[in-house]
N, C-alpha and C. Protein backbone atom coordinates (compact mmCIF):
# COMPACT_ATOMS: atom_id res chain seq x y z
N UNK A 1 0.84 -1.19 0.00
CA UNK A 1 0.00 0.00 0.00
C UNK A 1 0.88 1.25 0.00
N UNK A 2 0.39 2.28 -0.67
CA UNK A 2 1.05 3.58 -0.65
C UNK A 2 0.06 4.60 -0.11
N UNK A 3 0.51 5.40 0.85
CA UNK A 3 -0.28 6.49 1.40
C UNK A 3 0.62 7.71 1.49
N UNK A 4 0.00 8.87 1.64
CA UNK A 4 0.76 10.12 1.79
C UNK A 4 0.30 10.85 3.05
N UNK A 5 1.12 11.79 3.50
CA UNK A 5 0.73 12.68 4.60
C UNK A 5 -0.10 13.79 3.97
N UNK A 6 -1.39 13.66 4.07
CA UNK A 6 -2.28 14.61 3.42
C UNK A 6 -2.20 15.97 4.12
N UNK A 7 -2.20 17.01 3.27
CA UNK A 7 -1.94 18.35 3.81
C UNK A 7 -2.83 19.43 3.22
N UNK A 8 -3.94 19.05 2.61
CA UNK A 8 -4.87 19.99 1.97
C UNK A 8 -4.12 20.85 0.95
N UNK A 9 -3.48 20.16 0.02
CA UNK A 9 -2.68 20.82 -1.00
C UNK A 9 -3.19 20.44 -2.39
N UNK A 10 -2.44 20.85 -3.39
CA UNK A 10 -2.74 20.43 -4.76
C UNK A 10 -1.67 19.49 -5.28
N UNK A 11 -0.83 18.99 -4.39
CA UNK A 11 0.34 18.20 -4.79
C UNK A 11 -0.03 16.74 -5.08
N UNK A 12 0.37 16.29 -6.27
CA UNK A 12 0.22 14.90 -6.68
C UNK A 12 1.62 14.34 -6.88
N UNK A 13 1.86 13.13 -6.39
CA UNK A 13 3.18 12.52 -6.50
C UNK A 13 3.11 11.16 -7.18
N UNK A 14 4.21 10.81 -7.83
CA UNK A 14 4.36 9.50 -8.45
C UNK A 14 4.89 8.54 -7.39
N UNK A 15 4.29 7.37 -7.30
CA UNK A 15 4.80 6.33 -6.40
C UNK A 15 5.00 5.05 -7.19
N UNK A 16 6.09 4.34 -6.89
CA UNK A 16 6.33 3.08 -7.59
C UNK A 16 6.59 1.93 -6.63
N UNK A 17 6.42 2.20 -5.33
CA UNK A 17 6.62 1.17 -4.32
C UNK A 17 5.75 1.50 -3.10
N UNK A 18 5.50 0.52 -2.25
CA UNK A 18 4.73 0.80 -1.03
C UNK A 18 5.44 1.85 -0.18
N UNK A 19 4.65 2.75 0.38
CA UNK A 19 5.20 3.81 1.22
C UNK A 19 4.11 4.27 2.18
N UNK A 20 4.47 4.52 3.42
CA UNK A 20 3.51 4.92 4.44
C UNK A 20 3.80 6.33 4.92
N UNK A 21 3.00 7.29 4.49
CA UNK A 21 3.02 8.66 5.01
C UNK A 21 4.40 9.32 4.92
N UNK A 22 5.23 8.94 3.96
CA UNK A 22 6.57 9.51 3.83
C UNK A 22 6.55 10.89 3.16
N UNK A 23 5.62 11.09 2.26
CA UNK A 23 5.59 12.31 1.46
C UNK A 23 4.35 13.14 1.77
N UNK A 24 4.52 14.45 1.90
CA UNK A 24 3.37 15.34 2.07
C UNK A 24 2.78 15.62 0.69
N UNK A 25 1.54 15.20 0.49
CA UNK A 25 0.84 15.38 -0.79
C UNK A 25 -0.62 15.04 -0.55
N UNK A 26 -1.45 15.28 -1.55
CA UNK A 26 -2.86 14.93 -1.45
C UNK A 26 -3.32 14.05 -2.59
N UNK A 27 -2.38 13.55 -3.38
CA UNK A 27 -2.74 12.64 -4.45
C UNK A 27 -1.52 11.82 -4.84
N UNK A 28 -1.80 10.63 -5.37
CA UNK A 28 -0.75 9.72 -5.82
C UNK A 28 -1.15 9.12 -7.16
N UNK A 29 -0.13 8.77 -7.94
CA UNK A 29 -0.32 8.11 -9.23
C UNK A 29 0.71 7.00 -9.32
N UNK A 30 0.32 5.87 -9.92
CA UNK A 30 1.26 4.76 -10.12
C UNK A 30 0.88 3.95 -11.34
N UNK A 31 1.87 3.17 -11.81
CA UNK A 31 1.62 2.16 -12.84
C UNK A 31 2.00 0.77 -12.31
N UNK A 32 2.31 0.69 -11.03
CA UNK A 32 2.75 -0.57 -10.43
C UNK A 32 1.53 -1.37 -9.96
N UNK A 33 1.27 -2.52 -10.59
CA UNK A 33 0.09 -3.32 -10.20
C UNK A 33 0.21 -3.94 -8.81
N UNK A 34 1.38 -3.86 -8.21
CA UNK A 34 1.57 -4.41 -6.87
C UNK A 34 1.38 -3.36 -5.78
N UNK A 35 1.03 -2.12 -6.18
CA UNK A 35 0.85 -1.04 -5.21
C UNK A 35 -0.62 -0.63 -5.15
N UNK A 36 -1.17 -0.66 -3.96
CA UNK A 36 -2.53 -0.20 -3.68
C UNK A 36 -2.43 1.25 -3.21
N UNK A 37 -3.14 2.17 -3.84
CA UNK A 37 -3.14 3.57 -3.43
C UNK A 37 -4.28 3.79 -2.44
N UNK A 38 -4.00 4.46 -1.31
CA UNK A 38 -5.01 4.69 -0.29
C UNK A 38 -5.08 6.15 0.13
N UNK A 39 -6.31 6.69 0.15
CA UNK A 39 -6.57 8.09 0.52
C UNK A 39 -7.55 8.11 1.68
N UNK A 40 -7.25 8.94 2.69
CA UNK A 40 -8.14 9.11 3.84
C UNK A 40 -9.02 10.34 3.63
N UNK A 41 -10.30 10.22 4.03
CA UNK A 41 -11.21 11.36 3.98
C UNK A 41 -12.13 11.33 5.20
N UNK A 42 -12.66 12.51 5.54
CA UNK A 42 -13.57 12.60 6.69
C UNK A 42 -14.73 13.54 6.41
N UNK A 43 -14.85 14.08 5.28
CA UNK A 43 -15.93 14.89 4.70
C UNK A 43 -15.50 15.34 3.31
N UNK A 44 -14.19 15.37 3.07
CA UNK A 44 -13.66 15.65 1.75
C UNK A 44 -13.96 14.45 0.85
N UNK A 45 -13.75 14.63 -0.44
CA UNK A 45 -14.05 13.56 -1.38
C UNK A 45 -12.81 12.77 -1.77
N UNK A 46 -12.92 11.45 -1.77
CA UNK A 46 -11.89 10.67 -2.43
C UNK A 46 -12.20 10.68 -3.93
N UNK A 47 -11.19 10.89 -4.74
CA UNK A 47 -11.37 10.82 -6.19
C UNK A 47 -10.41 9.74 -6.68
N UNK A 48 -10.98 8.66 -7.21
CA UNK A 48 -10.19 7.53 -7.70
C UNK A 48 -10.26 7.51 -9.22
N UNK A 49 -9.10 7.31 -9.86
CA UNK A 49 -9.00 7.41 -11.31
C UNK A 49 -8.24 6.20 -11.87
N UNK A 50 -8.63 5.76 -13.05
CA UNK A 50 -7.94 4.64 -13.68
C UNK A 50 -8.00 4.73 -15.19
N UNK A 51 -6.85 4.52 -15.81
CA UNK A 51 -6.75 4.29 -17.24
C UNK A 51 -6.26 2.85 -17.38
N UNK A 52 -7.21 1.93 -17.45
CA UNK A 52 -6.85 0.51 -17.51
C UNK A 52 -6.08 0.17 -18.78
N UNK A 53 -6.42 0.84 -19.88
CA UNK A 53 -5.76 0.55 -21.16
C UNK A 53 -4.26 0.79 -21.07
N UNK A 54 -3.85 1.85 -20.35
CA UNK A 54 -2.44 2.19 -20.26
C UNK A 54 -1.83 1.83 -18.90
N UNK A 55 -2.63 1.24 -18.02
CA UNK A 55 -2.12 0.76 -16.75
C UNK A 55 -1.65 1.86 -15.81
N UNK A 56 -2.45 2.92 -15.67
CA UNK A 56 -2.11 4.04 -14.78
C UNK A 56 -3.32 4.31 -13.88
N UNK A 57 -3.09 4.45 -12.57
CA UNK A 57 -4.16 4.79 -11.64
C UNK A 57 -3.76 6.00 -10.79
N UNK A 58 -4.78 6.64 -10.23
CA UNK A 58 -4.53 7.77 -9.34
C UNK A 58 -5.57 7.81 -8.24
N UNK A 59 -5.19 8.43 -7.12
CA UNK A 59 -6.10 8.61 -5.99
C UNK A 59 -5.84 9.99 -5.41
N UNK A 60 -6.91 10.77 -5.19
CA UNK A 60 -6.75 12.13 -4.68
C UNK A 60 -7.69 12.38 -3.50
N UNK A 61 -7.22 13.15 -2.55
CA UNK A 61 -8.00 13.67 -1.43
C UNK A 61 -8.42 15.07 -1.85
N UNK A 62 -9.72 15.29 -2.06
CA UNK A 62 -10.18 16.55 -2.63
C UNK A 62 -11.28 17.17 -1.78
N UNK A 63 -10.88 17.97 -0.82
CA UNK A 63 -11.83 18.83 -0.13
C UNK A 63 -11.98 20.09 -0.96
N UNK A 64 -12.73 21.05 -0.47
CA UNK A 64 -12.94 22.24 -1.29
C UNK A 64 -11.62 22.98 -1.51
N UNK A 65 -10.74 23.03 -0.51
CA UNK A 65 -9.47 23.76 -0.67
C UNK A 65 -8.58 23.08 -1.71
N UNK A 66 -8.44 21.76 -1.60
CA UNK A 66 -7.63 21.04 -2.58
C UNK A 66 -8.21 21.13 -3.98
N UNK A 67 -9.53 21.02 -4.08
CA UNK A 67 -10.19 21.14 -5.38
C UNK A 67 -9.97 22.53 -5.96
N UNK A 68 -10.13 23.54 -5.13
CA UNK A 68 -9.90 24.93 -5.55
C UNK A 68 -8.46 25.13 -6.02
N UNK A 69 -7.51 24.51 -5.32
CA UNK A 69 -6.09 24.67 -5.64
C UNK A 69 -5.65 23.83 -6.84
N UNK A 70 -6.48 22.85 -7.26
CA UNK A 70 -6.16 22.08 -8.46
C UNK A 70 -5.64 20.67 -8.24
N UNK A 71 -5.96 20.04 -7.12
CA UNK A 71 -5.45 18.68 -6.88
C UNK A 71 -5.94 17.69 -7.94
N UNK A 72 -7.16 17.83 -8.40
CA UNK A 72 -7.67 16.91 -9.43
C UNK A 72 -6.93 17.14 -10.74
N UNK A 73 -6.78 18.38 -11.14
CA UNK A 73 -6.06 18.70 -12.38
C UNK A 73 -4.63 18.19 -12.33
N UNK A 74 -3.95 18.37 -11.19
CA UNK A 74 -2.56 17.92 -11.06
C UNK A 74 -2.44 16.40 -11.08
N UNK A 75 -3.42 15.72 -10.52
CA UNK A 75 -3.42 14.26 -10.53
C UNK A 75 -3.58 13.74 -11.95
N UNK A 76 -4.54 14.29 -12.67
CA UNK A 76 -4.77 13.87 -14.05
C UNK A 76 -3.54 14.22 -14.91
N UNK A 77 -2.95 15.39 -14.71
CA UNK A 77 -1.76 15.78 -15.47
C UNK A 77 -0.61 14.80 -15.24
N UNK A 78 -0.44 14.36 -14.00
CA UNK A 78 0.62 13.40 -13.69
C UNK A 78 0.32 12.05 -14.32
N UNK A 79 -0.94 11.65 -14.34
CA UNK A 79 -1.31 10.41 -15.02
C UNK A 79 -0.97 10.50 -16.51
N UNK A 80 -1.32 11.62 -17.13
CA UNK A 80 -1.06 11.81 -18.56
C UNK A 80 0.44 11.86 -18.84
N UNK A 81 1.18 12.52 -17.95
CA UNK A 81 2.65 12.58 -18.09
C UNK A 81 3.27 11.18 -18.12
N UNK A 82 2.62 10.22 -17.46
CA UNK A 82 3.14 8.86 -17.40
C UNK A 82 2.43 7.90 -18.36
N UNK A 83 1.68 8.45 -19.32
CA UNK A 83 1.16 7.62 -20.38
C UNK A 83 -0.35 7.43 -20.44
N UNK A 84 -1.09 7.92 -19.48
CA UNK A 84 -2.54 7.82 -19.54
C UNK A 84 -3.09 8.78 -20.59
N UNK A 85 -4.30 8.52 -21.03
CA UNK A 85 -4.99 9.43 -21.95
C UNK A 85 -6.34 9.76 -21.35
N UNK A 86 -6.70 11.05 -21.35
CA UNK A 86 -7.92 11.48 -20.67
C UNK A 86 -9.16 10.73 -21.17
N UNK A 87 -9.22 10.42 -22.46
CA UNK A 87 -10.40 9.74 -22.98
C UNK A 87 -10.50 8.30 -22.48
N UNK A 88 -9.43 7.75 -21.93
CA UNK A 88 -9.44 6.39 -21.39
C UNK A 88 -9.56 6.35 -19.87
N UNK A 89 -9.51 7.51 -19.22
CA UNK A 89 -9.58 7.55 -17.76
C UNK A 89 -11.03 7.47 -17.31
N UNK A 90 -11.29 6.63 -16.33
CA UNK A 90 -12.58 6.64 -15.66
C UNK A 90 -12.33 7.13 -14.23
N UNK A 91 -13.33 7.76 -13.65
CA UNK A 91 -13.16 8.38 -12.34
C UNK A 91 -14.37 8.12 -11.46
N UNK A 92 -14.12 8.08 -10.16
CA UNK A 92 -15.19 7.94 -9.17
C UNK A 92 -14.98 8.98 -8.08
N UNK A 93 -16.02 9.75 -7.81
CA UNK A 93 -16.02 10.70 -6.69
C UNK A 93 -16.80 10.01 -5.58
N UNK A 94 -16.11 9.72 -4.49
CA UNK A 94 -16.69 8.92 -3.41
C UNK A 94 -17.49 9.74 -2.42
N UNK A 95 -17.88 9.10 -1.32
CA UNK A 95 -18.67 9.76 -0.28
C UNK A 95 -17.98 11.01 0.25
N UNK A 96 -18.74 12.07 0.38
CA UNK A 96 -18.22 13.33 0.92
C UNK A 96 -19.42 14.15 1.40
N UNK A 97 -19.15 15.26 2.04
CA UNK A 97 -20.25 16.10 2.48
C UNK A 97 -20.97 16.65 1.24
N UNK A 98 -22.28 16.44 1.21
CA UNK A 98 -23.09 16.89 0.09
C UNK A 98 -23.65 18.29 0.35
N UNK A 99 -24.14 18.90 -0.69
CA UNK A 99 -24.55 20.30 -0.65
C UNK A 99 -25.52 20.62 0.48
N UNK A 100 -26.50 19.78 0.74
CA UNK A 100 -27.50 20.07 1.77
C UNK A 100 -26.87 20.21 3.16
N UNK A 101 -25.69 19.66 3.35
CA UNK A 101 -25.01 19.68 4.64
C UNK A 101 -23.80 20.60 4.69
N UNK A 102 -23.33 21.06 3.53
CA UNK A 102 -22.04 21.74 3.43
C UNK A 102 -22.22 23.26 3.49
N UNK A 103 -22.49 23.77 4.68
CA UNK A 103 -22.65 25.22 4.88
C UNK A 103 -21.28 25.88 4.89
N UNK A 104 -21.16 26.98 4.14
CA UNK A 104 -19.91 27.75 4.07
C UNK A 104 -20.24 29.24 4.17
N UNK A 105 -19.23 30.02 4.42
CA UNK A 105 -19.39 31.47 4.51
C UNK A 105 -19.08 32.13 3.16
N UNK A 106 -19.40 33.40 3.07
CA UNK A 106 -19.24 34.14 1.82
C UNK A 106 -17.79 34.20 1.35
N UNK A 107 -16.82 34.23 2.28
CA UNK A 107 -15.42 34.33 1.86
C UNK A 107 -14.98 33.10 1.06
N UNK A 108 -15.44 31.93 1.44
CA UNK A 108 -15.12 30.73 0.68
C UNK A 108 -15.81 30.77 -0.68
N UNK A 109 -17.06 31.14 -0.69
CA UNK A 109 -17.80 31.26 -1.95
C UNK A 109 -17.10 32.24 -2.90
N UNK A 110 -16.64 33.36 -2.36
CA UNK A 110 -15.96 34.36 -3.18
C UNK A 110 -14.70 33.81 -3.83
N UNK A 111 -13.96 32.96 -3.13
CA UNK A 111 -12.76 32.34 -3.72
C UNK A 111 -13.13 31.47 -4.92
N UNK A 112 -14.16 30.66 -4.76
CA UNK A 112 -14.58 29.78 -5.86
C UNK A 112 -15.12 30.61 -7.03
N UNK A 113 -15.87 31.66 -6.73
CA UNK A 113 -16.41 32.52 -7.80
C UNK A 113 -15.31 33.29 -8.51
N UNK A 114 -14.20 33.57 -7.82
CA UNK A 114 -13.08 34.27 -8.45
C UNK A 114 -12.47 33.43 -9.58
N UNK A 115 -12.66 32.12 -9.55
CA UNK A 115 -12.20 31.26 -10.64
C UNK A 115 -13.09 31.37 -11.86
N UNK A 116 -14.31 31.86 -11.66
CA UNK A 116 -15.25 32.02 -12.77
C UNK A 116 -16.66 32.13 -12.23
N UNK A 117 -17.39 33.10 -12.72
CA UNK A 117 -18.75 33.32 -12.23
C UNK A 117 -19.69 32.15 -12.51
N UNK A 118 -19.31 31.30 -13.48
CA UNK A 118 -20.12 30.11 -13.75
C UNK A 118 -20.14 29.16 -12.55
N UNK A 119 -19.20 29.33 -11.63
CA UNK A 119 -19.15 28.49 -10.43
C UNK A 119 -20.28 28.81 -9.44
N UNK A 120 -21.05 29.85 -9.71
CA UNK A 120 -22.19 30.18 -8.84
C UNK A 120 -23.18 29.01 -8.78
N UNK A 121 -23.19 28.18 -9.82
CA UNK A 121 -24.14 27.05 -9.85
C UNK A 121 -23.87 26.03 -8.75
N UNK A 122 -22.70 26.06 -8.11
CA UNK A 122 -22.38 25.12 -7.04
C UNK A 122 -22.83 25.59 -5.66
N UNK A 123 -23.53 26.72 -5.62
CA UNK A 123 -23.95 27.29 -4.34
C UNK A 123 -25.46 27.54 -4.31
N UNK A 124 -26.05 27.26 -3.17
CA UNK A 124 -27.40 27.73 -2.87
C UNK A 124 -27.27 28.53 -1.58
N UNK A 125 -28.28 29.30 -1.25
CA UNK A 125 -28.18 30.08 -0.02
C UNK A 125 -29.55 30.28 0.61
N UNK A 126 -29.51 30.47 1.92
CA UNK A 126 -30.72 30.83 2.68
C UNK A 126 -30.70 32.31 3.02
N UNK A 127 -29.50 32.89 3.05
CA UNK A 127 -29.33 34.30 3.37
C UNK A 127 -28.02 34.78 2.74
N UNK A 128 -27.64 36.01 3.01
CA UNK A 128 -26.44 36.58 2.39
C UNK A 128 -25.14 36.18 3.10
N UNK A 129 -25.23 35.41 4.18
CA UNK A 129 -24.04 35.03 4.92
C UNK A 129 -23.72 33.54 4.85
N UNK A 130 -24.72 32.70 4.65
CA UNK A 130 -24.50 31.25 4.63
C UNK A 130 -24.89 30.68 3.27
N UNK A 131 -23.97 29.89 2.72
CA UNK A 131 -24.18 29.26 1.43
C UNK A 131 -23.96 27.76 1.59
N UNK A 132 -24.50 26.98 0.65
CA UNK A 132 -24.33 25.53 0.67
C UNK A 132 -23.62 25.13 -0.62
N UNK A 133 -22.48 24.45 -0.44
CA UNK A 133 -21.57 24.15 -1.55
C UNK A 133 -21.72 22.71 -2.04
N UNK A 134 -21.77 22.54 -3.35
CA UNK A 134 -21.87 21.24 -4.00
C UNK A 134 -20.46 20.77 -4.39
N UNK A 135 -19.74 20.20 -3.41
CA UNK A 135 -18.37 19.75 -3.65
C UNK A 135 -18.32 18.67 -4.71
N UNK A 136 -19.17 17.65 -4.60
CA UNK A 136 -19.07 16.56 -5.57
C UNK A 136 -19.42 17.02 -6.98
N UNK A 137 -20.39 17.92 -7.13
CA UNK A 137 -20.71 18.47 -8.45
C UNK A 137 -19.55 19.28 -9.02
N UNK A 138 -18.90 20.05 -8.17
CA UNK A 138 -17.72 20.84 -8.56
C UNK A 138 -16.62 19.91 -9.07
N UNK A 139 -16.39 18.80 -8.36
CA UNK A 139 -15.36 17.85 -8.76
C UNK A 139 -15.72 17.13 -10.04
N UNK A 140 -16.96 16.71 -10.17
CA UNK A 140 -17.40 16.02 -11.40
C UNK A 140 -17.20 16.93 -12.61
N UNK A 141 -17.58 18.19 -12.49
CA UNK A 141 -17.41 19.11 -13.61
C UNK A 141 -15.94 19.37 -13.91
N UNK A 142 -15.08 19.39 -12.90
CA UNK A 142 -13.64 19.52 -13.14
C UNK A 142 -13.14 18.33 -13.97
N UNK A 143 -13.61 17.13 -13.62
CA UNK A 143 -13.20 15.94 -14.37
C UNK A 143 -13.68 16.00 -15.82
N UNK A 144 -14.93 16.40 -16.02
CA UNK A 144 -15.45 16.57 -17.39
C UNK A 144 -14.61 17.58 -18.17
N UNK A 145 -14.25 18.69 -17.53
CA UNK A 145 -13.45 19.72 -18.19
C UNK A 145 -12.07 19.22 -18.60
N UNK A 146 -11.59 18.18 -17.92
CA UNK A 146 -10.29 17.59 -18.25
C UNK A 146 -10.40 16.53 -19.34
N UNK A 147 -11.61 16.35 -19.89
CA UNK A 147 -11.81 15.39 -20.97
C UNK A 147 -12.15 14.00 -20.49
N UNK A 148 -12.45 13.85 -19.20
CA UNK A 148 -12.83 12.55 -18.65
C UNK A 148 -14.36 12.44 -18.72
N UNK A 149 -14.83 11.51 -19.50
CA UNK A 149 -16.27 11.39 -19.72
C UNK A 149 -16.92 10.32 -18.85
N UNK A 150 -16.15 9.32 -18.42
CA UNK A 150 -16.68 8.22 -17.63
C UNK A 150 -16.46 8.55 -16.14
N UNK A 151 -17.45 9.22 -15.55
CA UNK A 151 -17.34 9.69 -14.17
C UNK A 151 -18.55 9.21 -13.37
N UNK A 152 -18.30 8.59 -12.23
CA UNK A 152 -19.35 8.18 -11.31
C UNK A 152 -19.28 9.06 -10.07
N UNK A 153 -20.43 9.51 -9.60
CA UNK A 153 -20.52 10.35 -8.41
C UNK A 153 -21.37 9.58 -7.39
N UNK A 154 -20.77 9.20 -6.26
CA UNK A 154 -21.49 8.41 -5.25
C UNK A 154 -22.68 9.17 -4.68
N UNK A 155 -22.58 10.47 -4.57
CA UNK A 155 -23.64 11.32 -4.00
C UNK A 155 -24.06 10.86 -2.60
N UNK A 156 -23.12 10.33 -1.84
CA UNK A 156 -23.37 9.90 -0.47
C UNK A 156 -22.90 11.00 0.47
N UNK A 157 -23.79 11.42 1.35
CA UNK A 157 -23.50 12.52 2.28
C UNK A 157 -22.89 11.97 3.57
N UNK A 158 -21.61 12.22 3.78
CA UNK A 158 -20.95 11.75 4.99
C UNK A 158 -21.54 12.39 6.24
N UNK A 159 -22.04 13.61 6.12
CA UNK A 159 -22.58 14.32 7.29
C UNK A 159 -23.89 13.69 7.78
N UNK A 160 -24.78 13.36 6.87
CA UNK A 160 -26.10 12.87 7.29
C UNK A 160 -26.19 11.35 7.41
N UNK A 161 -25.21 10.62 6.89
CA UNK A 161 -25.24 9.16 6.95
C UNK A 161 -24.39 8.66 8.11
N UNK A 162 -25.01 7.96 9.03
CA UNK A 162 -24.27 7.42 10.17
C UNK A 162 -23.35 6.28 9.77
N UNK A 163 -23.46 5.79 8.55
CA UNK A 163 -22.56 4.73 8.08
C UNK A 163 -21.17 5.27 7.74
N UNK A 164 -21.03 6.58 7.66
CA UNK A 164 -19.76 7.20 7.29
C UNK A 164 -19.34 8.17 8.39
N UNK A 165 -18.03 8.30 8.57
CA UNK A 165 -17.53 9.26 9.55
C UNK A 165 -17.61 10.66 8.93
N UNK A 166 -18.02 11.62 9.73
CA UNK A 166 -18.04 13.02 9.33
C UNK A 166 -17.34 13.84 10.41
N UNK A 167 -16.26 14.47 10.03
CA UNK A 167 -15.54 15.33 10.97
C UNK A 167 -16.45 16.48 11.42
N UNK A 168 -17.16 17.08 10.47
CA UNK A 168 -18.02 18.22 10.81
C UNK A 168 -19.16 17.79 11.72
N UNK A 169 -19.81 16.67 11.40
CA UNK A 169 -20.91 16.19 12.25
C UNK A 169 -20.41 15.90 13.66
N UNK A 170 -19.29 15.19 13.78
CA UNK A 170 -18.77 14.85 15.10
C UNK A 170 -18.28 16.07 15.85
N UNK A 171 -17.80 17.09 15.15
CA UNK A 171 -17.43 18.34 15.79
C UNK A 171 -18.68 19.03 16.32
N UNK A 172 -19.72 19.09 15.51
CA UNK A 172 -20.99 19.70 15.94
C UNK A 172 -21.58 18.98 17.14
N UNK A 173 -21.38 17.67 17.22
CA UNK A 173 -21.90 16.88 18.33
C UNK A 173 -20.97 16.89 19.55
N UNK A 174 -19.82 17.55 19.43
CA UNK A 174 -18.87 17.63 20.53
C UNK A 174 -18.13 16.32 20.80
N UNK A 175 -18.02 15.48 19.78
CA UNK A 175 -17.39 14.17 19.96
C UNK A 175 -15.89 14.17 19.70
N UNK A 176 -15.37 15.23 19.11
CA UNK A 176 -13.93 15.28 18.84
C UNK A 176 -13.29 16.13 19.92
N UNK A 177 -12.50 15.48 20.74
CA UNK A 177 -11.89 16.15 21.89
C UNK A 177 -10.42 16.45 21.68
N UNK A 178 -9.75 15.68 20.82
CA UNK A 178 -8.32 15.83 20.61
C UNK A 178 -8.07 16.09 19.13
N UNK A 179 -7.36 17.18 18.79
CA UNK A 179 -7.08 17.45 17.37
C UNK A 179 -6.38 16.26 16.71
N UNK A 180 -6.78 15.96 15.51
CA UNK A 180 -6.21 14.91 14.67
C UNK A 180 -6.38 13.50 15.25
N UNK A 181 -7.24 13.34 16.25
CA UNK A 181 -7.51 12.01 16.80
C UNK A 181 -8.97 11.67 16.52
N UNK A 182 -9.22 11.23 15.30
CA UNK A 182 -10.57 10.89 14.90
C UNK A 182 -10.49 9.88 13.75
N UNK A 183 -11.54 9.09 13.55
CA UNK A 183 -11.52 8.11 12.46
C UNK A 183 -11.71 8.79 11.10
N UNK A 184 -11.43 8.05 10.06
CA UNK A 184 -11.63 8.53 8.70
C UNK A 184 -12.12 7.37 7.83
N UNK A 185 -12.59 7.70 6.64
CA UNK A 185 -12.83 6.69 5.62
C UNK A 185 -11.49 6.45 4.91
N UNK A 186 -11.33 5.28 4.38
CA UNK A 186 -10.11 4.96 3.63
C UNK A 186 -10.55 4.42 2.28
N UNK A 187 -10.21 5.11 1.20
CA UNK A 187 -10.58 4.70 -0.15
C UNK A 187 -9.34 4.23 -0.88
N UNK A 188 -9.45 3.10 -1.56
CA UNK A 188 -8.29 2.49 -2.20
C UNK A 188 -8.56 2.14 -3.65
N UNK A 189 -7.49 2.10 -4.43
CA UNK A 189 -7.57 1.67 -5.82
C UNK A 189 -6.28 0.93 -6.17
N UNK A 190 -6.44 -0.09 -7.02
CA UNK A 190 -5.30 -0.89 -7.46
C UNK A 190 -5.53 -1.36 -8.88
N UNK A 191 -4.45 -1.48 -9.63
CA UNK A 191 -4.54 -2.01 -11.00
C UNK A 191 -4.95 -3.46 -10.97
């Protein structure tokens, strides 16, 4: 298995052997069929990618900050650099906080809108201070924009489903007492 020290970045790294938390990054790419890529999430989205024809896979941790910074684009670029082709890549956006649960403030919305006013479609609002962000829709559209047509979106809300861990839900319930001491989901992909 290969894992990284996730840091809410846009960094994607190439791995060719098993490694445990040695590198700070939020995505990995490999062509080694003996390496399982693993990404941890707790409300952010796991994005798993595969070009089976060319034997290249990728896994990304994509919360709103990483998505905004380009972690998905960098992961796909690294896959293509190593021989994948966007038309052959299939992608899955896994369980993450869905729009009905993902309340954000105007400053976050403004950052996303600064990338393009068309991004307004990822927000709904009840008032001028609180907005609800569609992270999985944002990620799916990023994948489409990269030429990836075969995309699955789990549309599973980690916040409202007790079957999944939600950092935000457990924080709201007062269940997280120690920073960085909480469970996560673990999403994996292998050739």
